[in-house]
């Protein structure tokens, strides 16, 4: 018994010693900011210098000496584009060591549909003096494009965020919509403050998830927030007039999915965040005045990856590669599992498609697109996804890789 007690004491001491050691290392960790970063080199190629910076910068964030607020597993450089004599756009993929939300903010990462995988986009402005290259400014690509002289010459025309006839655009902290591929724009009153501002993290997000808004000539809607409520900001006349409808009280800004059927507008959104998971609620309205809660299966009350309403009654909620289908607007649900991607399995030995991220209907055929949680199957540097189809909404078949 004495030996057992002594062993336990030694184990506890070892755990304590490890904890103290980590705490000391983390307190001594010196995070190097992007602006002010210097590289001594005789090279003058901005692309090569920026590549060297990318790996140096992110290599400092690997290892047990790095606090979880900054620690990553690895960083992959996807693309470098020289914009002008001093500016370079750098795009990469960052794999974090945990789901600590602080690392996203600290490293300016962009959420993706993959677990532990985030996009990194930045424009670096370099200055050279006696072969010492220093980053004097860092900004998002959108900020660069807005500040660039081409856009300054035509401040009346907002920058179109998506290359489509119907799209939203942002310039000078204003939110616009266009229905003619940028020929004309309509401003969303107070839209930027309510749609793009994240009060929880005290930051703006000008890249809206495709599922979180609808822009069509018949119906345009964005999800807005203030300190009191979540609201729908919508227009029924191509942006000529705008109305607001309060949905519920919540100040947490997470993933949201907006759908419009024949008679209803459906909204599924994250209402709270706990221990790394988002918790969701679903609401619907027929008149934009009153909203009713829609029952949700316990299997997907957290970490939903896709929501798609086929009609007033039929809806799909995706959790990983399993779809939960309701035919009575949430009264009952049945599980629909996507079949194996047989041709892909034959090629690489396993099925990588385990995360449904998109669904749509085309000529009475229902399609589902599945991505990858781990993101380790790529072709030509691009993440491969799987396309599935169904003729009855229940039985799906694998079509091809996309």
Foldseek 3Di string as FASTA:
>chain_A
DVVVVVVVVVVVVVVVVVVVVLVVLQVPQDQDDQAFDKDFDPDQDPQVVVVVVVQVNLVSQDDSSHDLLAHFPDKAWQDWDDDDSFKIKTKIKTAGPDLPPNNCVVQVWADDLAPRITIDIKMFGWDDDPRMIGTNDMDGPLVCVCPDPVNVVPVVFFDFPDQDQWGWGDHPLWIWIHNGRRPDIATQVCCSVFFFAQPVVRDGDPDDDPQQWDTDQQKTWHWTDDQFFIWIWIDRHRRPDIDIAGAGGARHADDKGWDDAPQKIKIKGFRDDDPSKTFIWMWMDRPSHYIDTAADDPVPRISWQDKDAPHPQWIWTDDWQWIWITRGRRPDTDIAGADAPVVVCVVPVGGFFGAWHDWDDDPQKIKIKTFGNVQPDDDPSHGKIWMWIDNVVRHIYTDDID
